[in-house]
N, C-alpha and C. Protein backbone atom coordinates (compact mmCIF):
# COMPACT_ATOMS: atom_id res chain seq x y z
N MET A 1 295.35 -9.97 23.65
CA MET A 1 296.00 -10.48 22.48
C MET A 1 295.23 -11.68 22.02
N ILE A 2 294.65 -11.78 20.71
CA ILE A 2 293.97 -12.92 20.18
C ILE A 2 295.02 -13.93 19.63
N THR A 3 295.07 -15.05 20.00
CA THR A 3 295.83 -16.11 19.61
C THR A 3 295.20 -16.81 18.39
N PRO A 4 295.91 -17.42 17.56
CA PRO A 4 295.32 -18.22 16.50
C PRO A 4 294.30 -19.14 16.93
N LEU A 5 294.60 -19.86 18.14
CA LEU A 5 293.70 -20.81 18.59
C LEU A 5 292.31 -20.25 18.96
N LEU A 6 292.49 -19.03 19.61
CA LEU A 6 291.21 -18.36 20.10
C LEU A 6 290.49 -17.88 18.84
N ARG A 7 291.07 -17.37 17.78
CA ARG A 7 290.46 -17.00 16.51
C ARG A 7 289.73 -18.26 15.98
N TYR A 8 290.37 -19.39 15.82
CA TYR A 8 289.78 -20.56 15.42
C TYR A 8 288.52 -21.06 16.14
N VAL A 9 288.70 -21.05 17.39
CA VAL A 9 287.54 -21.44 18.24
C VAL A 9 286.35 -20.52 18.01
N SER A 10 286.65 -19.23 18.01
CA SER A 10 285.63 -18.22 17.83
C SER A 10 284.82 -18.46 16.48
N LEU A 11 285.65 -18.58 15.44
CA LEU A 11 285.01 -18.85 14.06
C LEU A 11 284.25 -20.08 14.05
N LEU A 12 284.75 -21.15 14.81
CA LEU A 12 284.11 -22.43 14.93
C LEU A 12 282.76 -22.23 15.58
N ALA A 13 282.77 -21.47 16.66
CA ALA A 13 281.59 -21.36 17.48
C ALA A 13 280.49 -20.52 16.64
N ILE A 14 280.90 -19.63 15.87
CA ILE A 14 279.93 -18.79 14.98
C ILE A 14 279.46 -19.64 13.91
N GLY A 15 280.22 -20.42 13.29
CA GLY A 15 279.87 -21.32 12.20
C GLY A 15 278.79 -22.40 12.72
N CYS A 16 279.15 -22.98 13.94
CA CYS A 16 278.13 -23.95 14.56
C CYS A 16 276.80 -23.22 14.78
N GLY A 17 276.87 -21.96 15.44
CA GLY A 17 275.62 -21.23 15.58
C GLY A 17 274.82 -21.03 14.39
N LEU A 18 275.59 -20.57 13.32
CA LEU A 18 274.80 -20.33 12.06
C LEU A 18 274.20 -21.71 11.57
N LEU A 19 274.97 -22.64 11.68
CA LEU A 19 274.48 -23.94 11.13
C LEU A 19 273.23 -24.41 11.97
N VAL A 20 273.24 -24.32 13.24
CA VAL A 20 272.08 -24.62 14.02
C VAL A 20 270.85 -23.75 13.74
N SER A 21 271.18 -22.40 13.58
CA SER A 21 270.04 -21.52 13.43
C SER A 21 269.36 -21.62 12.00
N ILE A 22 270.17 -22.01 11.01
CA ILE A 22 269.65 -22.30 9.72
C ILE A 22 269.01 -23.57 9.47
N GLY A 23 269.59 -24.58 10.15
CA GLY A 23 269.13 -26.04 9.93
C GLY A 23 267.99 -26.34 10.75
N SER A 24 267.69 -25.65 11.94
CA SER A 24 266.69 -26.03 12.84
C SER A 24 265.26 -25.93 12.19
N PRO A 25 265.00 -24.79 11.58
CA PRO A 25 263.65 -24.71 10.86
C PRO A 25 263.44 -25.77 9.86
N LEU A 26 264.45 -26.16 9.11
CA LEU A 26 264.30 -27.38 8.12
C LEU A 26 263.89 -28.59 8.82
N VAL A 27 264.57 -28.93 9.96
CA VAL A 27 264.32 -30.18 10.70
C VAL A 27 262.97 -30.14 11.32
N ALA A 28 262.52 -28.91 11.80
CA ALA A 28 261.18 -28.84 12.44
C ALA A 28 260.00 -28.92 11.53
N GLN A 29 260.20 -28.65 10.25
CA GLN A 29 259.16 -28.78 9.32
C GLN A 29 258.82 -30.34 8.98
N ASP A 30 259.90 -31.15 9.06
CA ASP A 30 259.64 -32.49 8.85
C ASP A 30 259.00 -33.27 9.99
N ALA A 31 259.13 -32.62 11.15
CA ALA A 31 258.58 -33.27 12.40
C ALA A 31 256.97 -33.14 12.50
N ILE A 32 256.44 -32.26 11.72
CA ILE A 32 254.89 -32.09 11.81
C ILE A 32 254.27 -33.10 10.78
N PRO A 33 253.44 -33.92 11.33
CA PRO A 33 252.74 -34.81 10.55
C PRO A 33 251.62 -34.17 9.70
N ALA A 34 251.50 -34.76 8.50
CA ALA A 34 250.39 -34.32 7.66
C ALA A 34 249.06 -34.53 8.20
N ILE A 35 248.19 -33.51 7.87
CA ILE A 35 246.83 -33.54 8.39
C ILE A 35 246.06 -34.23 7.27
N PRO A 36 245.28 -35.32 7.43
CA PRO A 36 244.48 -35.96 6.43
C PRO A 36 243.23 -35.11 6.18
N ARG A 37 243.10 -34.82 4.87
CA ARG A 37 241.93 -34.00 4.50
C ARG A 37 240.82 -34.89 3.86
N THR A 38 239.71 -34.79 4.45
CA THR A 38 238.60 -35.56 4.01
C THR A 38 237.40 -34.62 3.81
N LEU A 39 236.59 -35.09 2.73
CA LEU A 39 235.31 -34.30 2.59
C LEU A 39 234.27 -34.94 3.41
N PRO A 40 233.22 -34.23 3.81
CA PRO A 40 232.10 -34.85 4.48
C PRO A 40 231.27 -35.58 3.66
N PRO A 41 230.54 -36.54 4.04
CA PRO A 41 229.77 -37.33 2.98
C PRO A 41 228.51 -36.38 2.48
N PRO A 42 228.01 -36.76 1.35
CA PRO A 42 226.93 -36.07 0.72
C PRO A 42 225.74 -36.06 1.69
N GLY A 43 225.04 -34.91 1.73
CA GLY A 43 223.82 -34.79 2.56
C GLY A 43 222.67 -35.75 2.14
N ILE A 44 221.67 -35.76 2.95
CA ILE A 44 220.46 -36.68 2.68
C ILE A 44 219.59 -35.92 1.63
N GLU A 45 218.96 -36.70 0.90
CA GLU A 45 217.81 -36.17 -0.14
C GLU A 45 216.71 -35.74 0.55
N ILE A 46 216.28 -34.51 0.38
CA ILE A 46 215.02 -33.96 0.91
C ILE A 46 213.88 -34.32 0.09
N PRO A 47 212.91 -34.83 0.60
CA PRO A 47 211.87 -35.29 -0.22
C PRO A 47 211.14 -34.06 -0.82
N SER A 48 210.52 -34.21 -2.10
CA SER A 48 210.06 -33.00 -2.86
C SER A 48 208.91 -32.22 -2.03
N GLU A 49 208.10 -33.10 -1.29
CA GLU A 49 206.98 -32.36 -0.61
C GLU A 49 207.45 -31.40 0.47
N LYS A 50 208.73 -31.70 1.02
CA LYS A 50 209.24 -30.72 1.92
C LYS A 50 210.27 -29.74 1.23
N ARG A 51 210.83 -30.06 0.14
CA ARG A 51 211.81 -29.24 -0.52
C ARG A 51 211.03 -28.11 -1.28
N GLU A 52 210.03 -28.40 -1.93
CA GLU A 52 209.24 -27.37 -2.67
C GLU A 52 208.91 -26.11 -1.86
N PRO A 53 208.37 -26.23 -0.64
CA PRO A 53 207.99 -25.04 0.19
C PRO A 53 209.30 -24.35 0.63
N LEU A 54 210.44 -25.05 0.86
CA LEU A 54 211.65 -24.35 1.32
C LEU A 54 212.17 -23.53 0.15
N VAL A 55 212.19 -24.14 -1.08
CA VAL A 55 212.67 -23.42 -2.12
C VAL A 55 211.83 -22.06 -2.50
N ALA A 56 210.53 -22.33 -2.41
CA ALA A 56 209.58 -21.05 -2.56
C ALA A 56 209.84 -20.07 -1.49
N ALA A 57 209.96 -20.42 -0.31
CA ALA A 57 210.15 -19.43 0.74
C ALA A 57 211.60 -18.68 0.52
N THR A 58 212.40 -19.52 0.10
CA THR A 58 213.88 -18.89 -0.16
C THR A 58 213.82 -17.81 -1.33
N LYS A 59 213.06 -18.19 -2.35
CA LYS A 59 212.87 -17.24 -3.43
C LYS A 59 212.20 -16.07 -3.14
N GLN A 60 211.11 -16.19 -2.22
CA GLN A 60 210.31 -15.03 -1.72
C GLN A 60 211.20 -14.22 -0.87
N LEU A 61 212.00 -14.70 -0.03
CA LEU A 61 212.87 -13.94 0.77
C LEU A 61 213.77 -13.22 0.02
N GLY A 62 214.42 -13.86 -1.09
CA GLY A 62 215.40 -13.22 -1.97
C GLY A 62 214.70 -11.93 -2.65
N GLU A 63 213.48 -12.22 -3.08
CA GLU A 63 212.88 -10.88 -3.70
C GLU A 63 212.56 -9.79 -2.67
N ARG A 64 212.26 -10.13 -1.44
CA ARG A 64 212.04 -9.13 -0.44
C ARG A 64 213.27 -8.33 -0.11
N LEU A 65 214.38 -9.16 -0.15
CA LEU A 65 215.76 -8.48 0.12
C LEU A 65 216.20 -7.56 -0.99
N LYS A 66 215.78 -7.97 -2.24
CA LYS A 66 216.12 -7.08 -3.40
C LYS A 66 215.51 -5.74 -3.22
N LYS A 67 214.36 -5.58 -2.63
CA LYS A 67 213.75 -4.32 -2.44
C LYS A 67 214.51 -3.47 -1.37
N LEU A 68 215.25 -4.12 -0.55
CA LEU A 68 216.04 -3.35 0.41
C LEU A 68 217.55 -3.22 0.08
N ALA A 69 217.94 -3.60 -1.20
CA ALA A 69 219.24 -3.44 -1.62
C ALA A 69 219.99 -2.24 -1.51
N GLU A 70 219.12 -1.16 -1.50
CA GLU A 70 219.71 0.28 -1.43
C GLU A 70 219.99 0.81 -0.02
N HIS A 71 219.36 0.00 0.96
CA HIS A 71 219.55 0.41 2.45
C HIS A 71 221.07 0.35 2.84
N GLU A 72 221.33 1.26 3.74
CA GLU A 72 222.81 1.14 4.21
C GLU A 72 223.18 -0.09 4.93
N LEU A 73 222.30 -0.75 5.61
CA LEU A 73 222.47 -1.89 6.40
C LEU A 73 222.30 -3.23 5.61
N TYR A 74 221.96 -3.07 4.25
CA TYR A 74 221.71 -4.32 3.52
C TYR A 74 222.70 -5.34 3.63
N ALA A 75 223.92 -5.22 3.68
CA ALA A 75 224.97 -6.09 3.60
C ALA A 75 224.89 -6.91 4.93
N ASP A 76 224.54 -6.20 6.06
CA ASP A 76 224.50 -6.98 7.31
C ASP A 76 223.30 -7.87 7.36
N VAL A 77 222.19 -7.46 6.68
CA VAL A 77 221.05 -8.38 6.75
C VAL A 77 221.13 -9.42 5.69
N ALA A 78 221.78 -9.26 4.60
CA ALA A 78 221.99 -10.11 3.51
C ALA A 78 222.90 -11.43 3.99
N VAL A 79 223.75 -11.07 4.97
CA VAL A 79 224.59 -12.26 5.44
C VAL A 79 223.90 -13.21 6.16
N PHE A 80 222.84 -12.77 6.82
CA PHE A 80 221.95 -13.77 7.66
C PHE A 80 220.76 -14.21 6.78
């Protein structure tokens, strides 16, 4: 036989369980500190006597890769 007191205690226990299960994630989110986001500093300037050969070699490589664009493994090569 369920007495009114037992019914009240049961409902109280269920209510407390729901409150804890719903409220816990909300409290946990506040406990995580924010991660500072910073950008790296700008890179160093490459002198033109070193930059020009690099740019030329990059263009030459790009043109060589264009010739292989129809190959089935082109995507794998183009990534690297």
